[in-house]
Amino acid sequence: ARALGESVVALHSSEIMGTARKLYERLGFEQVRELDTIYGKRSWLYKLELGRV
């Protein structure tokens, strides 16, 4: 992403991916907001500002 000139990486994750969400947070991703449910499961938008890594 940096090589392409991007400053932020974003992803979404759901409540069934608890281990992955913990990993994202350890890597520096911040939860931005809760999204609409996907297949009846809660989900969230995460972002990582590349200047902070």
PDB file of N, CA and C in Angstrom:
ATOM      1  N   ALA A   1       0.821  -1.190   0.000  1.00  0.00           N
ATOM      2  CA  ALA A   1       0.000   0.000   0.000  1.00  0.00           C
ATOM      3  C   ALA A   1       0.870   1.262   0.000  1.00  0.00           C
ATOM      4  N   ARG A   2       1.914   1.237   0.818  1.00  0.00           N
ATOM      5  CA  ARG A   2       2.816   2.402   0.851  1.00  0.00           C
ATOM      6  C   ARG A   2       3.431   2.645  -0.516  1.00  0.00           C
ATOM      7  N   ALA A   3       3.851   1.571  -1.184  1.00  0.00           N
ATOM      8  CA  ALA A   3       4.482   1.700  -2.499  1.00  0.00           C
ATOM      9  C   ALA A   3       3.539   2.330  -3.512  1.00  0.00           C
ATOM     10  N   LEU A   4       2.238   2.200  -3.278  1.00  0.00           N
ATOM     11  CA  LEU A   4       1.236   2.797  -4.157  1.00  0.00           C
ATOM     12  C   LEU A   4       0.843   4.197  -3.710  1.00  0.00           C
ATOM     13  N   GLY A   5       1.461   4.675  -2.635  1.00  0.00           N
ATOM     14  CA  GLY A   5       1.177   6.011  -2.146  1.00  0.00           C
ATOM     15  C   GLY A   5      -0.009   6.103  -1.207  1.00  0.00           C
ATOM     16  N   GLU A   6      -0.504   4.973  -0.752  1.00  0.00           N
ATOM     17  CA  GLU A   6      -1.647   4.974   0.163  1.00  0.00           C
ATOM     18  C   GLU A   6      -1.179   5.259   1.584  1.00  0.00           C
ATOM     19  N   SER A   7      -2.041   5.900   2.367  1.00  0.00           N
ATOM     20  CA  SER A   7      -1.679   6.225   3.746  1.00  0.00           C
ATOM     21  C   SER A   7      -2.482   5.433   4.773  1.00  0.00           C
ATOM     22  N   VAL A   8      -3.523   4.721   4.307  1.00  0.00           N
ATOM     23  CA  VAL A   8      -4.398   3.980   5.216  1.00  0.00           C
ATOM     24  C   VAL A   8      -4.759   2.630   4.594  1.00  0.00           C
ATOM     25  N   VAL A   9      -4.812   1.600   5.438  1.00  0.00           N
ATOM     26  CA  VAL A   9      -5.336   0.296   5.044  1.00  0.00           C
ATOM     27  C   VAL A   9      -6.599   0.080   5.866  1.00  0.00           C
ATOM     28  N   ALA A  10      -7.681  -0.344   5.222  1.00  0.00           N
ATOM     29  CA  ALA A  10      -8.940  -0.577   5.923  1.00  0.00           C
ATOM     30  C   ALA A  10      -9.404  -2.006   5.680  1.00  0.00           C
ATOM     31  N   LEU A  11     -10.125  -2.541   6.661  1.00  0.00           N
ATOM     32  CA  LEU A  11     -10.704  -3.876   6.521  1.00  0.00           C
ATOM     33  C   LEU A  11     -11.939  -3.961   7.391  1.00  0.00           C
ATOM     34  N   HIS A  12     -12.739  -4.988   7.156  1.00  0.00           N
ATOM     35  CA  HIS A  12     -13.872  -5.220   8.050  1.00  0.00           C
ATOM     36  C   HIS A  12     -13.757  -6.621   8.610  1.00  0.00           C
ATOM     37  N   SER A  13     -14.329  -6.803   9.789  1.00  0.00           N
ATOM     38  CA  SER A  13     -14.276  -8.089  10.468  1.00  0.00           C
ATOM     39  C   SER A  13     -15.580  -8.278  11.227  1.00  0.00           C
ATOM     40  N   SER A  14     -15.948  -9.528  11.458  1.00  0.00           N
ATOM     41  CA  SER A  14     -17.211  -9.795  12.141  1.00  0.00           C
ATOM     42  C   SER A  14     -16.984 -10.453  13.497  1.00  0.00           C
ATOM     43  N   GLU A  15     -18.072 -10.602  14.225  1.00  0.00           N
ATOM     44  CA  GLU A  15     -17.988 -11.150  15.575  1.00  0.00           C
ATOM     45  C   GLU A  15     -17.494 -12.593  15.589  1.00  0.00           C
ATOM     46  N   ILE A  16     -17.611 -13.318  14.491  1.00  0.00           N
ATOM     47  CA  ILE A  16     -17.139 -14.704  14.477  1.00  0.00           C
ATOM     48  C   ILE A  16     -15.628 -14.790  14.277  1.00  0.00           C
ATOM     49  N   MET A  17     -14.980 -13.650  14.075  1.00  0.00           N
ATOM     50  CA  MET A  17     -13.535 -13.613  13.839  1.00  0.00           C
ATOM     51  C   MET A  17     -12.801 -12.971  15.016  1.00  0.00           C
ATOM     52  N   GLY A  18     -13.135 -13.401  16.219  1.00  0.00           N
ATOM     53  CA  GLY A  18     -12.557 -12.808  17.425  1.00  0.00           C
ATOM     54  C   GLY A  18     -11.038 -12.863  17.469  1.00  0.00           C
ATOM     55  N   THR A  19     -10.460 -14.000  17.097  1.00  0.00           N
ATOM     56  CA  THR A  19      -9.002 -14.131  17.110  1.00  0.00           C
ATOM     57  C   THR A  19      -8.376 -13.180  16.104  1.00  0.00           C
ATOM     58  N   ALA A  20      -8.969 -13.070  14.927  1.00  0.00           N
ATOM     59  CA  ALA A  20      -8.446 -12.161  13.901  1.00  0.00           C
ATOM     60  C   ALA A  20      -8.538 -10.714  14.369  1.00  0.00           C
ATOM     61  N   ARG A  21      -9.646 -10.334  15.007  1.00  0.00           N
ATOM     62  CA  ARG A  21      -9.788  -8.955  15.490  1.00  0.00           C
ATOM     63  C   ARG A  21      -8.711  -8.626  16.514  1.00  0.00           C
ATOM     64  N   LYS A  22      -8.392  -9.561  17.388  1.00  0.00           N
ATOM     65  CA  LYS A  22      -7.319  -9.335  18.369  1.00  0.00           C
ATOM     66  C   LYS A  22      -5.984  -9.136  17.664  1.00  0.00           C
ATOM     67  N   LEU A  23      -5.733  -9.928  16.621  1.00  0.00           N
ATOM     68  CA  LEU A  23      -4.503  -9.778  15.844  1.00  0.00           C
ATOM     69  C   LEU A  23      -4.452  -8.404  15.183  1.00  0.00           C
ATOM     70  N   TYR A  24      -5.545  -7.990  14.545  1.00  0.00           N
ATOM     71  CA  TYR A  24      -5.573  -6.673  13.896  1.00  0.00           C
ATOM     72  C   TYR A  24      -5.241  -5.577  14.903  1.00  0.00           C
ATOM     73  N   GLU A  25      -5.828  -5.661  16.088  1.00  0.00           N
ATOM     74  CA  GLU A  25      -5.586  -4.639  17.108  1.00  0.00           C
ATOM     75  C   GLU A  25      -4.139  -4.665  17.594  1.00  0.00           C
ATOM     76  N   ARG A  26      -3.556  -5.845  17.730  1.00  0.00           N
ATOM     77  CA  ARG A  26      -2.135  -5.928  18.114  1.00  0.00           C
ATOM     78  C   ARG A  26      -1.242  -5.336  17.031  1.00  0.00           C
ATOM     79  N   LEU A  27      -1.658  -5.450  15.776  1.00  0.00           N
ATOM     80  CA  LEU A  27      -0.879  -4.904  14.663  1.00  0.00           C
ATOM     81  C   LEU A  27      -1.069  -3.399  14.496  1.00  0.00           C
ATOM     82  N   GLY A  28      -1.972  -2.813  15.297  1.00  0.00           N
ATOM     83  CA  GLY A  28      -2.152  -1.370  15.255  1.00  0.00           C
ATOM     84  C   GLY A  28      -3.426  -0.887  14.589  1.00  0.00           C
ATOM     85  N   PHE A  29      -4.260  -1.811  14.099  1.00  0.00           N
ATOM     86  CA  PHE A  29      -5.534  -1.398  13.512  1.00  0.00           C
ATOM     87  C   PHE A  29      -6.427  -0.845  14.610  1.00  0.00           C
ATOM     88  N   GLU A  30      -7.185   0.191  14.277  1.00  0.00           N
ATOM     89  CA  GLU A  30      -8.131   0.795  15.216  1.00  0.00           C
ATOM     90  C   GLU A  30      -9.543   0.573  14.706  1.00  0.00           C
ATOM     91  N   GLN A  31     -10.444   0.239  15.628  1.00  0.00           N
ATOM     92  CA  GLN A  31     -11.842   0.070  15.260  1.00  0.00           C
ATOM     93  C   GLN A  31     -12.432   1.450  14.984  1.00  0.00           C
ATOM     94  N   VAL A  32     -12.989   1.627  13.792  1.00  0.00           N
ATOM     95  CA  VAL A  32     -13.534   2.923  13.388  1.00  0.00           C
ATOM     96  C   VAL A  32     -15.004   3.030  13.768  1.00  0.00           C
ATOM     97  N   ARG A  33     -15.779   2.018  13.396  1.00  0.00           N
ATOM     98  CA  ARG A  33     -17.208   2.040  13.710  1.00  0.00           C
ATOM     99  C   ARG A  33     -17.811   0.667  13.467  1.00  0.00           C
ATOM    100  N   GLU A  34     -18.988   0.475  14.021  1.00  0.00           N
ATOM    101  CA  GLU A  34     -19.729  -0.758  13.770  1.00  0.00           C
ATOM    102  C   GLU A  34     -20.467  -0.609  12.445  1.00  0.00           C
ATOM    103  N   LEU A  35     -20.488  -1.666  11.667  1.00  0.00           N
ATOM    104  CA  LEU A  35     -21.163  -1.681  10.373  1.00  0.00           C
ATOM    105  C   LEU A  35     -22.514  -2.376  10.502  1.00  0.00           C
ATOM    106  N   ASP A  36     -23.286  -2.343   9.432  1.00  0.00           N
ATOM    107  CA  ASP A  36     -24.522  -3.120   9.406  1.00  0.00           C
ATOM    108  C   ASP A  36     -24.171  -4.594   9.572  1.00  0.00           C
ATOM    109  N   THR A  37     -25.095  -5.363  10.108  1.00  0.00           N
ATOM    110  CA  THR A  37     -24.824  -6.785  10.287  1.00  0.00           C
ATOM    111  C   THR A  37     -24.638  -7.466   8.936  1.00  0.00           C
ATOM    112  N   ILE A  38     -23.802  -8.491   8.927  1.00  0.00           N
ATOM    113  CA  ILE A  38     -23.568  -9.300   7.733  1.00  0.00           C
ATOM    114  C   ILE A  38     -23.975 -10.723   8.088  1.00  0.00           C
ATOM    115  N   TYR A  39     -24.957 -11.255   7.392  1.00  0.00           N
ATOM    116  CA  TYR A  39     -25.478 -12.594   7.690  1.00  0.00           C
ATOM    117  C   TYR A  39     -25.869 -12.726   9.155  1.00  0.00           C
ATOM    118  N   GLY A  40     -26.428 -11.650   9.700  1.00  0.00           N
ATOM    119  CA  GLY A  40     -26.904 -11.667  11.078  1.00  0.00           C
ATOM    120  C   GLY A  40     -25.823 -11.521  12.139  1.00  0.00           C
ATOM    121  N   LYS A  41     -24.588 -11.261  11.737  1.00  0.00           N
ATOM    122  CA  LYS A  41     -23.477 -11.120  12.683  1.00  0.00           C
ATOM    123  C   LYS A  41     -23.008  -9.669  12.730  1.00  0.00           C
ATOM    124  N   ARG A  42     -22.636  -9.216  13.924  1.00  0.00           N
ATOM    125  CA  ARG A  42     -22.088  -7.862  14.066  1.00  0.00           C
ATOM    126  C   ARG A  42     -20.763  -7.779  13.327  1.00  0.00           C
ATOM    127  N   SER A  43     -20.486  -6.609  12.756  1.00  0.00           N
ATOM    128  CA  SER A  43     -19.208  -6.422  12.066  1.00  0.00           C
ATOM    129  C   SER A  43     -18.720  -4.996  12.271  1.00  0.00           C
ATOM    130  N   TRP A  44     -17.404  -4.816  12.092  1.00  0.00           N
ATOM    131  CA  TRP A  44     -16.769  -3.539  12.360  1.00  0.00           C
ATOM    132  C   TRP A  44     -15.801  -3.171  11.251  1.00  0.00           C
ATOM    133  N   LEU A  45     -15.616  -1.875  11.083  1.00  0.00           N
ATOM    134  CA  LEU A  45     -14.621  -1.339  10.163  1.00  0.00           C
ATOM    135  C   LEU A  45     -13.377  -1.002  10.971  1.00  0.00           C
ATOM    136  N   TYR A  46     -12.228  -1.441  10.481  1.00  0.00           N
ATOM    137  CA  TYR A  46     -10.938  -1.152  11.106  1.00  0.00           C
ATOM    138  C   TYR A  46     -10.066  -0.388  10.129  1.00  0.00           C
ATOM    139  N   LYS A  47      -9.153   0.429  10.662  1.00  0.00           N
ATOM    140  CA  LYS A  47      -8.191   1.111   9.797  1.00  0.00           C
ATOM    141  C   LYS A  47      -6.815   1.095  10.449  1.00  0.00           C
ATOM    142  N   LEU A  48      -5.810   1.150   9.595  1.00  0.00           N
ATOM    143  CA  LEU A  48      -4.427   1.246  10.034  1.00  0.00           C
ATOM    144  C   LEU A  48      -3.801   2.392   9.266  1.00  0.00           C
ATOM    145  N   GLU A  49      -3.379   3.423   9.988  1.00  0.00           N
ATOM    146  CA  GLU A  49      -2.703   4.545   9.345  1.00  0.00           C
ATOM    147  C   GLU A  49      -1.244   4.167   9.166  1.00  0.00           C
ATOM    148  N   LEU A  50      -0.791   4.110   7.926  1.00  0.00           N
ATOM    149  CA  LEU A  50       0.537   3.591   7.629  1.00  0.00           C
ATOM    150  C   LEU A  50       1.657   4.469   8.154  1.00  0.00           C
ATOM    151  N   GLY A  51       1.413   5.732   8.360  1.00  0.00           N
ATOM    152  CA  GLY A  51       2.442   6.601   8.909  1.00  0.00           C
ATOM    153  C   GLY A  51       2.790   6.265  10.344  1.00  0.00           C
ATOM    154  N   ARG A  52       1.916   5.507  11.016  1.00  0.00           N
ATOM    155  CA  ARG A  52       2.113   5.163  12.426  1.00  0.00           C
ATOM    156  C   ARG A  52       2.817   3.832  12.604  1.00  0.00           C
ATOM    157  N   VAL A  53       3.084   3.127  11.524  1.00  0.00           N
ATOM    158  CA  VAL A  53       3.687   1.785  11.623  1.00  0.00           C
ATOM    159  C   VAL A  53       5.182   1.873  11.476  1.00  0.00           C
TER     160      VAL A  53
END
